[in-house]
């Protein structure tokens, strides 16, 4: 589908996110009185770190970064 049309995918799966041409991180912050949503297009290093966070959770490890590198390499193929 992506070869003939633009596709937007919202996912929590790092295996899916690694295959994207662009990676946009969406984050919501809120307080008792308001809420805001941020959308940031990630560069190569930011993308690796976000995939590692998606894999590892709150504490990103070197192992998670290595796994993110592996996913990015597989996604580029």
Protein backbone atom coordinates (compact mmCIF):
# COMPACT_ATOMS: atom_id res chain seq x y z
CA UNK A 1 0.00 0.00 0.00
CA UNK A 2 2.82 2.41 0.87
CA UNK A 3 4.24 2.14 -2.65
CA UNK A 4 1.21 3.84 -4.17
CA UNK A 5 -0.26 5.96 -1.36
CA UNK A 6 0.71 7.86 1.75
CA UNK A 7 0.08 5.77 4.87
CA UNK A 8 -0.06 7.03 8.45
CA UNK A 9 0.31 4.39 11.14
CA UNK A 10 -0.08 4.97 14.87
CA UNK A 11 1.63 2.19 16.78
CA UNK A 12 3.14 1.21 20.11
CA UNK A 13 5.03 -1.63 18.41
CA UNK A 14 8.72 -0.82 17.84
CA UNK A 15 8.88 -3.55 15.17
CA UNK A 16 6.32 -1.59 13.12
CA UNK A 17 7.77 1.85 13.88
CA UNK A 18 11.24 0.76 12.72
CA UNK A 19 9.93 0.19 9.20
CA UNK A 20 8.71 3.76 8.76
CA UNK A 21 10.33 6.33 6.49
CA UNK A 22 9.63 8.99 9.14
CA UNK A 23 9.08 8.66 12.85
CA UNK A 24 7.01 11.23 14.71
CA UNK A 25 6.79 10.99 18.49
CA UNK A 26 3.47 12.13 19.95
CA UNK A 27 3.43 12.99 23.65
CA UNK A 28 0.59 14.29 25.79
CA UNK A 29 1.08 16.33 28.94
CA UNK A 30 -1.75 17.33 31.21
CA UNK A 31 -2.55 19.09 34.43
CA UNK A 32 -5.77 19.60 36.31
CA UNK A 33 -6.71 22.53 34.08
CA UNK A 34 -5.26 21.78 30.65
CA UNK A 35 -3.76 19.25 28.29
CA UNK A 36 -1.29 19.64 25.45
CA UNK A 37 -0.01 17.34 22.74
CA UNK A 38 3.45 17.59 21.18
CA UNK A 39 4.44 16.10 17.83
CA UNK A 40 8.19 15.90 17.11
CA UNK A 41 9.79 14.45 13.99
CA UNK A 42 12.77 12.39 15.14
CA UNK A 43 16.20 12.35 13.52
CA UNK A 44 18.35 9.21 13.36
CA UNK A 45 19.64 9.37 16.95
CA UNK A 46 16.25 10.38 18.33
CA UNK A 47 14.57 7.58 16.44
CA UNK A 48 17.02 5.01 17.82
CA UNK A 49 16.44 6.30 21.36
CA UNK A 50 12.64 6.25 20.96
CA UNK A 51 12.66 2.70 19.61
CA UNK A 52 14.88 1.67 22.52
CA UNK A 53 12.42 3.32 24.92
CA UNK A 54 9.53 1.52 23.24
CA UNK A 55 11.39 -1.76 23.73
CA UNK A 56 12.66 -1.22 27.27
CA UNK A 57 10.17 1.07 28.97
CA UNK A 58 11.23 3.80 31.39
CA UNK A 59 14.87 2.70 31.77
CA UNK A 60 16.65 2.49 28.42
CA UNK A 61 19.60 0.09 28.44
CA UNK A 62 22.48 -0.52 26.05
CA UNK A 63 20.81 -3.81 25.17
CA UNK A 64 17.63 -1.98 24.18
CA UNK A 65 19.68 0.39 22.02
CA UNK A 66 21.36 -2.57 20.32
CA UNK A 67 17.94 -4.13 19.70
CA UNK A 68 16.73 -0.79 18.25
CA UNK A 69 19.76 -0.72 15.93
CA UNK A 70 18.87 -4.23 14.79
CA UNK A 71 15.26 -3.24 14.09
CA UNK A 72 16.36 -0.15 12.14
CA UNK A 73 18.79 -2.21 10.08
CA UNK A 74 16.09 -4.79 9.29
CA UNK A 75 13.59 -2.03 8.46
CA UNK A 76 16.00 -0.43 5.98
CA UNK A 77 16.39 -3.65 4.03
